[in-house]
N, C-alpha and C. Protein backbone atom coordinates (compact mmCIF):
# COMPACT_ATOMS: atom_id res chain seq x y z
N MET A 1 0.90 -1.19 0.03
CA MET A 1 0.02 -0.12 0.01
C MET A 1 0.94 1.32 -0.07
N ALA A 2 0.51 2.22 -0.81
CA ALA A 2 1.38 3.44 -0.95
C ALA A 2 1.26 4.31 0.41
N GLU A 3 2.40 5.11 0.62
CA GLU A 3 2.27 6.05 1.69
C GLU A 3 1.21 7.13 1.56
N ALA A 4 0.66 7.58 2.79
CA ALA A 4 -0.25 8.55 2.75
C ALA A 4 0.71 9.97 2.21
N SER A 5 -0.06 10.50 1.21
CA SER A 5 0.57 11.64 0.73
C SER A 5 0.22 12.94 1.70
N ILE A 6 1.30 13.92 1.61
CA ILE A 6 1.06 15.10 2.37
C ILE A 6 0.17 15.97 1.54
N LYS A 7 -0.79 16.68 2.22
CA LYS A 7 -1.83 17.45 1.77
C LYS A 7 -1.03 18.81 1.15
N PRO A 8 -1.52 19.35 0.08
CA PRO A 8 -0.94 20.67 -0.14
C PRO A 8 -1.24 21.78 0.71
N ARG A 9 -0.61 22.82 0.58
CA ARG A 9 -0.61 23.87 1.64
C ARG A 9 -2.05 24.57 1.55
N LEU A 10 -2.47 24.75 0.33
CA LEU A 10 -3.76 25.32 0.08
C LEU A 10 -4.98 24.56 0.63
N HIS A 11 -4.94 23.26 0.73
CA HIS A 11 -5.91 22.33 1.05
C HIS A 11 -6.00 22.23 2.64
N ASN A 12 -4.73 22.34 3.25
CA ASN A 12 -4.83 22.65 4.71
C ASN A 12 -5.35 23.97 5.21
N HIS A 13 -5.01 24.97 4.22
CA HIS A 13 -5.53 26.23 4.65
C HIS A 13 -7.01 26.14 4.52
N TYR A 14 -7.59 25.59 3.43
CA TYR A 14 -9.13 25.46 3.16
C TYR A 14 -9.68 24.83 4.57
N ASN A 15 -9.13 23.64 4.95
CA ASN A 15 -9.55 22.95 6.14
C ASN A 15 -9.66 23.69 7.45
N ASP A 16 -8.32 24.55 7.51
CA ASP A 16 -8.14 25.21 8.82
C ASP A 16 -8.77 26.47 8.95
N VAL A 17 -8.84 27.30 7.88
CA VAL A 17 -9.07 28.81 7.93
C VAL A 17 -10.42 29.10 7.13
N VAL A 18 -10.51 28.56 5.78
CA VAL A 18 -11.55 29.13 4.95
C VAL A 18 -12.78 28.48 5.17
N ARG A 19 -12.91 27.28 5.70
CA ARG A 19 -14.15 26.61 6.15
C ARG A 19 -14.90 27.22 7.30
N GLY A 20 -14.03 27.76 8.28
CA GLY A 20 -14.53 28.22 9.44
C GLY A 20 -15.13 29.80 9.05
N GLU A 21 -14.35 30.35 8.26
CA GLU A 21 -14.74 31.77 7.85
C GLU A 21 -16.10 31.69 6.94
N MET A 22 -16.09 30.72 6.15
CA MET A 22 -17.26 30.49 5.21
C MET A 22 -18.65 30.27 6.32
N ILE A 23 -18.37 29.34 7.19
CA ILE A 23 -19.61 29.00 8.22
C ILE A 23 -19.96 30.22 8.93
N LYS A 24 -18.98 31.14 9.35
CA LYS A 24 -19.42 32.38 10.03
C LYS A 24 -20.22 33.35 9.11
N GLU A 25 -19.76 33.37 7.95
CA GLU A 25 -20.28 34.42 7.11
C GLU A 25 -21.61 34.04 6.33
N PHE A 26 -21.78 32.71 6.12
CA PHE A 26 -23.16 32.29 5.37
C PHE A 26 -23.85 31.35 6.41
N SER A 27 -23.39 31.35 7.72
CA SER A 27 -24.10 30.49 8.55
C SER A 27 -24.80 29.15 8.06
N TYR A 28 -23.87 28.31 7.63
CA TYR A 28 -24.20 27.01 7.37
C TYR A 28 -24.71 26.15 8.47
N ALA A 29 -25.74 25.43 8.35
CA ALA A 29 -26.29 24.35 9.54
C ALA A 29 -25.43 23.17 9.59
N ASN A 30 -24.92 22.83 8.33
CA ASN A 30 -24.17 21.43 8.14
C ASN A 30 -22.92 21.81 7.50
N PRO A 31 -21.41 21.24 8.32
CA PRO A 31 -20.36 21.56 7.63
C PRO A 31 -20.11 21.00 6.33
N MET A 32 -21.02 20.11 5.78
CA MET A 32 -20.74 19.62 4.38
C MET A 32 -21.52 20.64 3.43
N GLU A 33 -22.35 21.54 3.92
CA GLU A 33 -22.70 22.62 2.85
C GLU A 33 -21.72 23.55 2.48
N VAL A 34 -20.61 23.76 3.14
CA VAL A 34 -19.61 24.65 2.72
C VAL A 34 -19.09 24.26 1.49
N PRO A 35 -19.08 25.36 0.67
CA PRO A 35 -18.39 25.14 -0.81
C PRO A 35 -17.12 24.95 -0.87
N ARG A 36 -16.59 24.11 -1.60
CA ARG A 36 -15.13 23.71 -1.92
C ARG A 36 -14.78 23.76 -3.31
N LEU A 37 -13.55 23.75 -3.57
CA LEU A 37 -13.24 23.63 -4.92
C LEU A 37 -13.47 22.27 -5.50
N ASP A 38 -13.92 22.28 -6.81
CA ASP A 38 -14.37 20.98 -7.29
C ASP A 38 -13.30 20.46 -8.42
N LYS A 39 -12.99 21.51 -9.26
CA LYS A 39 -11.80 21.34 -10.37
C LYS A 39 -11.24 22.48 -10.98
N VAL A 40 -10.25 22.35 -11.81
CA VAL A 40 -9.84 23.43 -12.31
C VAL A 40 -9.34 22.99 -13.96
N VAL A 41 -10.12 23.67 -14.95
CA VAL A 41 -9.89 23.21 -16.48
C VAL A 41 -8.99 24.30 -16.97
N ILE A 42 -7.75 23.93 -17.51
CA ILE A 42 -7.02 24.87 -18.26
C ILE A 42 -6.98 24.36 -19.83
N ASN A 43 -7.37 25.55 -20.58
CA ASN A 43 -7.50 25.30 -22.12
C ASN A 43 -6.52 26.10 -22.79
N MET A 44 -5.86 25.71 -23.72
CA MET A 44 -4.91 26.35 -24.49
C MET A 44 -5.39 26.13 -26.13
N GLY A 45 -5.87 27.28 -26.56
CA GLY A 45 -6.24 27.08 -28.04
C GLY A 45 -5.09 27.56 -28.88
N VAL A 46 -4.70 26.76 -29.82
CA VAL A 46 -3.49 27.00 -30.74
C VAL A 46 -3.96 26.80 -32.22
N GLY A 47 -4.46 28.10 -32.72
CA GLY A 47 -5.01 28.19 -33.92
C GLY A 47 -3.81 28.12 -34.92
N GLU A 48 -2.62 28.30 -34.55
CA GLU A 48 -1.41 28.52 -35.64
C GLU A 48 -1.17 26.91 -35.89
N SER A 49 -1.69 25.89 -35.16
CA SER A 49 -1.40 24.72 -35.53
C SER A 49 -1.99 24.16 -37.00
N VAL A 50 -2.97 25.03 -37.45
CA VAL A 50 -3.52 24.74 -38.89
C VAL A 50 -2.44 24.85 -39.90
N ALA A 51 -1.53 25.76 -39.72
CA ALA A 51 -0.50 25.79 -40.79
C ALA A 51 0.69 25.02 -40.48
N ASP A 52 0.91 24.79 -39.11
CA ASP A 52 2.20 24.03 -38.94
C ASP A 52 1.84 23.17 -37.66
N SER A 53 1.86 21.67 -38.10
CA SER A 53 1.40 20.81 -37.03
C SER A 53 2.32 20.63 -35.91
N LYS A 54 3.58 21.05 -35.92
CA LYS A 54 4.68 20.96 -34.88
C LYS A 54 4.25 21.87 -33.67
N VAL A 55 3.41 23.01 -34.00
CA VAL A 55 3.19 23.99 -33.10
C VAL A 55 2.49 23.44 -31.98
N ILE A 56 1.55 22.35 -32.21
CA ILE A 56 0.68 22.00 -31.22
C ILE A 56 1.59 20.82 -30.34
N ASN A 57 2.66 20.31 -30.71
CA ASN A 57 3.37 19.53 -29.88
C ASN A 57 4.09 20.41 -28.72
N SER A 58 4.55 21.65 -29.16
CA SER A 58 5.18 22.50 -28.29
C SER A 58 4.08 22.98 -27.21
N ALA A 59 3.00 23.19 -27.68
CA ALA A 59 1.93 23.72 -26.66
C ALA A 59 1.52 22.68 -25.73
N ILE A 60 1.47 21.54 -26.20
CA ILE A 60 0.96 20.21 -25.28
C ILE A 60 2.26 20.19 -24.29
N GLU A 61 3.32 20.31 -24.82
CA GLU A 61 4.63 20.02 -23.87
C GLU A 61 4.49 21.05 -22.80
N ASP A 62 4.36 22.32 -23.06
CA ASP A 62 4.26 23.58 -22.33
C ASP A 62 3.13 23.37 -21.35
N LEU A 63 1.89 23.02 -21.76
CA LEU A 63 0.70 22.93 -20.84
C LEU A 63 1.01 21.74 -19.84
N GLY A 64 1.77 20.73 -20.33
CA GLY A 64 1.98 19.64 -19.48
C GLY A 64 2.90 19.99 -18.37
N LEU A 65 3.95 20.95 -18.67
CA LEU A 65 4.86 21.32 -17.59
C LEU A 65 4.05 22.20 -16.47
N ILE A 66 3.12 23.20 -17.00
CA ILE A 66 2.35 24.04 -16.18
C ILE A 66 1.31 23.19 -15.35
N ALA A 67 0.74 22.10 -16.06
CA ALA A 67 -0.34 21.50 -15.07
C ALA A 67 0.19 20.32 -14.24
N GLY A 68 1.37 19.63 -14.71
CA GLY A 68 1.77 18.61 -13.92
C GLY A 68 1.13 17.28 -14.51
N GLN A 69 0.29 17.17 -15.53
CA GLN A 69 -0.18 16.01 -16.14
C GLN A 69 -0.35 16.17 -17.46
N LYS A 70 -0.50 15.01 -18.06
CA LYS A 70 -0.45 15.10 -19.58
C LYS A 70 -1.92 15.77 -20.18
N PRO A 71 -1.69 16.70 -20.98
CA PRO A 71 -2.80 17.37 -21.59
C PRO A 71 -3.77 16.35 -22.72
N VAL A 72 -4.91 16.83 -22.97
CA VAL A 72 -5.72 16.02 -24.03
C VAL A 72 -5.89 17.14 -25.14
N ILE A 73 -5.43 16.44 -26.30
CA ILE A 73 -5.68 17.33 -27.61
C ILE A 73 -7.10 17.61 -28.00
N THR A 74 -7.49 18.68 -28.00
CA THR A 74 -8.95 19.07 -28.46
C THR A 74 -8.69 19.22 -30.01
N ARG A 75 -9.93 18.75 -30.70
CA ARG A 75 -9.91 18.76 -32.27
C ARG A 75 -11.21 19.38 -32.75
N ALA A 76 -10.96 20.06 -33.89
CA ALA A 76 -12.23 20.69 -34.61
C ALA A 76 -13.17 19.72 -34.92
N ARG A 77 -14.54 20.35 -34.41
CA ARG A 77 -15.74 19.21 -34.66
C ARG A 77 -16.10 19.41 -36.07
N LYS A 78 -15.84 20.57 -36.73
CA LYS A 78 -16.43 20.63 -38.16
C LYS A 78 -15.45 21.42 -39.03
N ALA A 79 -15.37 21.45 -40.36
CA ALA A 79 -14.60 21.95 -41.34
C ALA A 79 -15.05 23.33 -41.32
N ILE A 80 -14.14 24.36 -41.57
CA ILE A 80 -14.49 25.68 -41.79
C ILE A 80 -13.44 26.13 -42.76
N SER A 81 -13.97 26.23 -44.09
CA SER A 81 -12.84 26.60 -44.95
C SER A 81 -12.25 28.03 -45.02
N ASN A 82 -12.65 28.85 -44.44
CA ASN A 82 -12.31 30.34 -44.17
C ASN A 82 -11.01 30.26 -43.39
N PHE A 83 -11.08 29.38 -42.44
CA PHE A 83 -9.77 29.29 -41.33
C PHE A 83 -8.99 28.27 -41.93
N LYS A 84 -9.14 27.60 -43.01
CA LYS A 84 -8.33 26.41 -43.48
C LYS A 84 -8.42 25.37 -42.46
N LEU A 85 -9.55 25.09 -41.77
CA LEU A 85 -9.76 24.10 -40.86
C LEU A 85 -10.51 22.99 -41.34
N ARG A 86 -9.89 21.82 -41.18
CA ARG A 86 -10.65 20.53 -41.32
C ARG A 86 -11.16 19.75 -40.29
N GLU A 87 -12.20 19.07 -40.43
CA GLU A 87 -12.62 18.21 -39.27
C GLU A 87 -11.69 17.45 -38.77
N ASP A 88 -11.63 17.29 -37.36
CA ASP A 88 -10.74 16.30 -36.56
C ASP A 88 -9.23 16.86 -36.51
N MET A 89 -9.08 18.00 -36.94
CA MET A 89 -7.79 18.61 -36.99
C MET A 89 -7.61 19.06 -35.44
N PRO A 90 -6.26 18.93 -34.92
CA PRO A 90 -6.03 19.27 -33.62
C PRO A 90 -5.88 20.81 -33.68
N ILE A 91 -6.75 21.45 -32.66
CA ILE A 91 -6.54 23.01 -32.63
C ILE A 91 -6.30 23.48 -31.11
N GLY A 92 -5.93 22.63 -30.19
CA GLY A 92 -5.64 23.24 -28.83
C GLY A 92 -5.39 21.82 -27.88
N ALA A 93 -5.38 22.19 -26.61
CA ALA A 93 -5.04 21.11 -25.62
C ALA A 93 -5.78 21.63 -24.29
N LYS A 94 -6.09 20.69 -23.63
CA LYS A 94 -6.79 21.08 -22.37
C LYS A 94 -6.29 20.08 -21.20
N VAL A 95 -6.70 20.40 -19.86
CA VAL A 95 -6.29 19.69 -18.74
C VAL A 95 -7.24 19.89 -17.83
N THR A 96 -7.91 18.84 -17.17
CA THR A 96 -8.61 19.08 -15.90
C THR A 96 -8.02 18.50 -14.75
N LEU A 97 -7.60 19.45 -13.75
CA LEU A 97 -6.93 19.08 -12.35
C LEU A 97 -7.93 19.02 -11.40
N ARG A 98 -7.86 17.94 -10.69
CA ARG A 98 -8.40 17.61 -9.35
C ARG A 98 -7.70 17.35 -8.14
N ARG A 99 -8.17 17.52 -7.03
CA ARG A 99 -7.55 17.03 -5.65
C ARG A 99 -6.19 17.83 -5.54
N GLU A 100 -5.08 17.24 -5.26
CA GLU A 100 -3.87 17.52 -4.83
C GLU A 100 -3.26 18.67 -6.03
N ARG A 101 -3.31 18.13 -7.07
CA ARG A 101 -2.75 18.78 -8.25
C ARG A 101 -3.47 20.23 -8.41
N MET A 102 -4.88 20.19 -8.26
CA MET A 102 -5.71 21.27 -8.31
C MET A 102 -5.22 22.40 -7.44
N TYR A 103 -4.95 22.00 -6.21
CA TYR A 103 -4.55 22.97 -4.99
C TYR A 103 -3.10 23.37 -5.37
N GLU A 104 -2.30 22.46 -5.77
CA GLU A 104 -0.81 22.98 -6.13
C GLU A 104 -0.85 23.99 -7.29
N PHE A 105 -1.69 23.93 -8.24
CA PHE A 105 -1.90 24.74 -9.47
C PHE A 105 -2.53 26.07 -8.95
N ILE A 106 -3.36 25.91 -8.23
CA ILE A 106 -4.13 27.26 -7.66
C ILE A 106 -2.92 28.00 -6.85
N ASP A 107 -2.25 27.30 -5.96
CA ASP A 107 -1.26 28.18 -5.25
C ASP A 107 -0.22 28.75 -6.13
N ARG A 108 0.29 28.12 -6.96
CA ARG A 108 1.29 28.62 -8.02
C ARG A 108 0.63 29.77 -8.78
N LEU A 109 -0.67 29.62 -9.13
CA LEU A 109 -1.31 30.78 -9.99
C LEU A 109 -1.44 31.84 -9.10
N VAL A 110 -2.01 31.91 -8.02
CA VAL A 110 -2.17 33.06 -7.08
C VAL A 110 -0.76 33.49 -6.60
N THR A 111 0.24 32.88 -6.25
CA THR A 111 1.19 33.34 -5.51
C THR A 111 2.54 33.69 -6.35
N ILE A 112 2.46 32.97 -7.60
CA ILE A 112 3.76 33.14 -8.45
C ILE A 112 3.28 33.86 -9.88
N ALA A 113 2.29 33.26 -10.51
CA ALA A 113 2.01 33.54 -11.94
C ALA A 113 1.13 34.94 -11.97
N LEU A 114 0.17 35.04 -11.20
CA LEU A 114 -0.50 36.40 -11.45
C LEU A 114 0.18 37.54 -11.05
N PRO A 115 0.98 37.60 -10.00
CA PRO A 115 1.91 38.67 -9.79
C PRO A 115 2.87 39.03 -10.91
N ARG A 116 3.12 38.13 -11.77
CA ARG A 116 4.17 38.31 -12.75
C ARG A 116 3.46 38.74 -14.12
N VAL A 117 2.10 38.83 -14.10
CA VAL A 117 1.54 39.29 -15.23
C VAL A 117 1.73 40.78 -15.29
N ARG A 118 2.20 41.05 -16.69
CA ARG A 118 2.27 42.67 -17.00
C ARG A 118 1.07 43.40 -16.83
N ASP A 119 1.33 44.69 -16.27
CA ASP A 119 0.18 45.48 -15.88
C ASP A 119 -1.13 44.83 -15.29
N PHE A 120 -0.86 43.93 -14.31
CA PHE A 120 -1.95 43.22 -13.66
C PHE A 120 -2.53 44.22 -12.56
N ARG A 121 -3.85 44.39 -12.66
CA ARG A 121 -4.67 45.21 -11.76
C ARG A 121 -5.56 44.43 -11.04
N GLY A 122 -5.51 43.21 -11.11
CA GLY A 122 -6.39 42.22 -10.27
C GLY A 122 -7.53 41.52 -11.18
N LEU A 123 -7.97 40.57 -10.65
CA LEU A 123 -8.96 39.65 -11.36
C LEU A 123 -10.41 40.42 -11.33
N SER A 124 -11.11 40.47 -12.52
CA SER A 124 -12.45 41.05 -12.48
C SER A 124 -13.34 40.11 -11.59
N PRO A 125 -14.00 40.71 -10.78
CA PRO A 125 -15.03 40.10 -9.66
C PRO A 125 -16.50 39.61 -10.43
N LYS A 126 -16.41 40.22 -11.75
CA LYS A 126 -17.67 39.82 -12.45
C LYS A 126 -17.62 38.52 -13.20
N SER A 127 -16.34 38.06 -13.26
CA SER A 127 -16.10 36.67 -14.28
C SER A 127 -16.74 35.51 -13.80
N PHE A 128 -17.84 35.58 -13.06
CA PHE A 128 -18.55 34.18 -12.40
C PHE A 128 -19.56 34.09 -13.47
N ASP A 129 -20.07 32.61 -13.67
CA ASP A 129 -21.10 32.24 -14.53
C ASP A 129 -22.41 32.11 -13.81
N GLY A 130 -22.61 32.55 -12.43
CA GLY A 130 -24.02 32.61 -12.08
C GLY A 130 -24.15 31.05 -11.25
N ASN A 131 -23.20 30.18 -11.35
CA ASN A 131 -23.39 28.77 -10.77
C ASN A 131 -22.12 28.83 -9.92
N GLY A 132 -21.50 29.59 -9.63
CA GLY A 132 -20.49 29.45 -8.51
C GLY A 132 -19.06 29.19 -9.48
N ASN A 133 -18.90 29.26 -10.66
CA ASN A 133 -17.68 28.93 -11.29
C ASN A 133 -16.87 30.20 -11.77
N PHE A 134 -15.59 30.30 -11.82
CA PHE A 134 -14.88 31.48 -12.05
C PHE A 134 -14.03 31.11 -13.35
N ALA A 135 -13.88 32.09 -14.13
CA ALA A 135 -13.14 31.91 -15.43
C ALA A 135 -12.16 33.14 -15.57
N LEU A 136 -10.92 32.84 -15.99
CA LEU A 136 -9.98 33.92 -16.11
C LEU A 136 -9.13 33.58 -17.34
N GLY A 137 -8.60 34.54 -18.03
CA GLY A 137 -7.64 34.48 -19.13
C GLY A 137 -6.45 34.77 -18.86
N ILE A 138 -5.36 33.90 -19.26
CA ILE A 138 -3.84 34.77 -19.19
C ILE A 138 -3.49 34.90 -20.55
N LYS A 139 -2.85 35.84 -20.78
CA LYS A 139 -2.43 36.11 -22.19
C LYS A 139 -1.09 35.49 -22.56
N GLU A 140 -0.08 35.31 -21.69
CA GLU A 140 1.27 34.78 -21.68
C GLU A 140 1.31 33.50 -20.73
N HIS A 141 1.62 32.32 -21.45
CA HIS A 141 1.84 31.31 -20.56
C HIS A 141 3.09 31.24 -20.03
N ILE A 142 3.98 32.28 -20.32
CA ILE A 142 5.36 32.14 -19.92
C ILE A 142 5.45 32.83 -18.32
N VAL A 143 4.43 33.31 -17.81
CA VAL A 143 4.23 33.63 -16.46
C VAL A 143 4.51 32.73 -15.40
N PHE A 144 4.35 31.48 -15.88
CA PHE A 144 4.52 30.32 -15.00
C PHE A 144 6.01 29.84 -14.71
N PRO A 145 6.41 29.53 -13.55
CA PRO A 145 7.79 29.23 -13.50
C PRO A 145 8.42 28.03 -13.95
N GLU A 146 7.42 27.08 -14.44
CA GLU A 146 7.85 25.93 -15.16
C GLU A 146 8.34 26.01 -16.42
N ILE A 147 7.91 27.19 -17.18
CA ILE A 147 8.36 27.32 -18.51
C ILE A 147 9.59 28.13 -18.71
N ASN A 148 10.62 27.48 -19.50
CA ASN A 148 11.80 27.94 -19.51
C ASN A 148 11.68 29.14 -20.73
N TYR A 149 12.10 30.40 -20.25
CA TYR A 149 11.67 31.59 -21.39
C TYR A 149 12.45 31.39 -22.53
N ASP A 150 13.93 31.03 -22.15
CA ASP A 150 14.84 30.95 -23.41
C ASP A 150 14.49 29.85 -24.47
N LYS A 151 13.72 28.73 -24.17
CA LYS A 151 13.18 27.66 -25.01
C LYS A 151 11.79 27.96 -25.65
N VAL A 152 11.27 28.96 -25.31
CA VAL A 152 9.96 29.26 -25.80
C VAL A 152 9.88 29.75 -27.19
N THR A 153 9.37 29.21 -28.23
CA THR A 153 9.37 29.74 -29.68
C THR A 153 8.28 30.57 -29.71
N GLN A 154 7.09 30.41 -29.22
CA GLN A 154 5.88 31.04 -29.25
C GLN A 154 5.10 31.35 -28.00
N ILE A 155 4.38 32.48 -27.68
CA ILE A 155 3.66 32.65 -26.60
C ILE A 155 2.22 32.41 -26.91
N TRP A 156 1.53 31.63 -25.77
CA TRP A 156 0.09 31.49 -26.14
C TRP A 156 -0.63 31.94 -25.00
N GLY A 157 -1.88 32.30 -25.05
CA GLY A 157 -2.91 32.51 -23.95
C GLY A 157 -3.49 31.15 -23.54
N MET A 158 -4.04 31.28 -22.38
CA MET A 158 -4.75 30.12 -22.00
C MET A 158 -5.93 30.64 -20.95
N ASP A 159 -7.17 29.86 -21.01
CA ASP A 159 -8.02 29.96 -20.18
C ASP A 159 -8.00 29.20 -18.99
N VAL A 160 -8.43 29.73 -17.82
CA VAL A 160 -8.47 28.99 -16.61
C VAL A 160 -9.70 28.91 -15.99
N VAL A 161 -10.52 27.88 -15.88
CA VAL A 161 -11.71 27.90 -15.27
C VAL A 161 -11.71 27.11 -13.88
N VAL A 162 -12.13 27.85 -12.79
CA VAL A 162 -12.12 27.33 -11.43
C VAL A 162 -13.60 26.83 -11.15
N CYS A 163 -13.90 25.56 -11.23
CA CYS A 163 -15.18 25.14 -10.69
C CYS A 163 -15.28 24.95 -9.31
N THR A 164 -16.33 25.36 -8.70
CA THR A 164 -16.43 25.23 -7.27
C THR A 164 -17.82 24.56 -7.09
N THR A 165 -18.08 23.85 -5.80
CA THR A 165 -19.31 23.55 -5.43
C THR A 165 -20.53 24.63 -5.00
N ALA A 166 -20.04 25.67 -5.08
CA ALA A 166 -20.99 26.88 -4.46
C ALA A 166 -22.06 26.98 -5.27
N SER A 167 -23.22 27.33 -4.60
CA SER A 167 -24.54 27.46 -5.58
C SER A 167 -24.86 28.82 -6.07
N SER A 168 -24.04 29.99 -5.52
CA SER A 168 -24.23 31.17 -5.89
C SER A 168 -22.89 31.91 -6.19
N ASP A 169 -22.97 33.08 -6.97
CA ASP A 169 -21.64 33.71 -7.07
C ASP A 169 -20.88 34.31 -5.83
N ASP A 170 -21.83 34.88 -4.98
CA ASP A 170 -21.33 35.40 -3.70
C ASP A 170 -20.45 34.39 -3.01
N GLU A 171 -21.07 33.22 -2.82
CA GLU A 171 -20.42 32.03 -2.03
C GLU A 171 -18.99 31.62 -2.72
N ALA A 172 -19.03 31.60 -4.01
CA ALA A 172 -17.91 31.39 -4.79
C ALA A 172 -16.79 32.46 -4.52
N ARG A 173 -17.22 33.74 -4.58
CA ARG A 173 -16.42 34.79 -4.44
C ARG A 173 -15.83 34.83 -2.99
N ALA A 174 -16.53 34.54 -1.92
CA ALA A 174 -16.11 34.35 -0.66
C ALA A 174 -15.05 33.36 -0.65
N LEU A 175 -15.42 32.20 -1.23
CA LEU A 175 -14.33 30.97 -1.23
C LEU A 175 -13.04 31.50 -1.84
N LEU A 176 -13.00 31.84 -3.05
CA LEU A 176 -11.84 32.32 -3.82
C LEU A 176 -11.19 33.36 -3.05
N ARG A 177 -11.75 34.33 -2.36
CA ARG A 177 -11.26 35.31 -1.43
C ARG A 177 -10.37 34.62 -0.35
N GLY A 178 -10.95 33.53 0.15
CA GLY A 178 -10.21 32.92 1.18
C GLY A 178 -8.90 32.28 0.64
N PHE A 179 -8.90 31.86 -0.62
CA PHE A 179 -7.59 31.25 -1.19
C PHE A 179 -6.67 32.59 -1.82
N ASN A 180 -6.99 33.74 -1.45
CA ASN A 180 -6.19 35.09 -1.80
C ASN A 180 -6.12 35.18 -3.20
N PHE A 181 -7.24 34.93 -3.96
CA PHE A 181 -7.52 35.45 -5.35
C PHE A 181 -7.50 37.13 -5.48
N PRO A 182 -6.66 37.65 -6.01
CA PRO A 182 -6.69 39.21 -5.91
C PRO A 182 -7.66 39.56 -6.87
N PHE A 183 -8.85 39.95 -6.41
CA PHE A 183 -9.79 40.62 -7.26
C PHE A 183 -9.62 42.05 -7.31
N SER A 184 -9.89 42.69 -8.63
CA SER A 184 -9.68 44.14 -8.49
C SER A 184 -10.77 44.78 -7.70
N GLY A 185 -10.47 46.08 -7.19
CA GLY A 185 -11.34 46.84 -6.55
C GLY A 185 -11.48 46.42 -5.06
N GLU A 186 -10.63 45.57 -4.66
CA GLU A 186 -10.38 45.16 -3.29
C GLU A 186 -9.06 45.51 -2.82
N ARG A 187 -8.98 45.65 -1.52
CA ARG A 187 -7.47 46.12 -1.02
C ARG A 187 -6.92 44.77 -0.62
N ALA A 188 -5.58 44.61 -1.03
CA ALA A 188 -4.92 43.52 -0.47
C ALA A 188 -4.49 43.62 0.97
N GLU A 189 -4.58 42.48 1.70
CA GLU A 189 -4.21 42.51 2.97
C GLU A 189 -2.90 41.99 3.40
């Protein structure tokens, strides 16, 4: 049997601090009602792969380094002649992170990557979907420490969607605030 793994720092922070604050703020009757992080989906669209098929391999390699697990290739569902796109052609990559890898990624995103973004003024507090999920876009994938800047041939953007079990945007916003997400218009503590 494998050894018990050490829980990530943010997972312990959630159990020790965030849950208690959420129970006080929203007065949950049952501790299982407290929203938690469900998954993080990272998507990288690589439209340039239409002209050069080697580009997608570089994007997959970089996304794998950032996420810590192997990405899945996303393919075109139908042909669009104006974009020189044929059906089933690779056009991007995505990764779904759960459990420990999810907490590790969010820790690196909030503490390392977002402060490295050029002209960063905070995340939009309006980027919630109404069901407690938060989406953000990163214009340059090189803000992550895993990417060697000297070996990068092309810079890609990526979409990060943080899915929570919260039933409303206010609950999800309070949950992500507990993980130190830097929302714009709020004072950093």
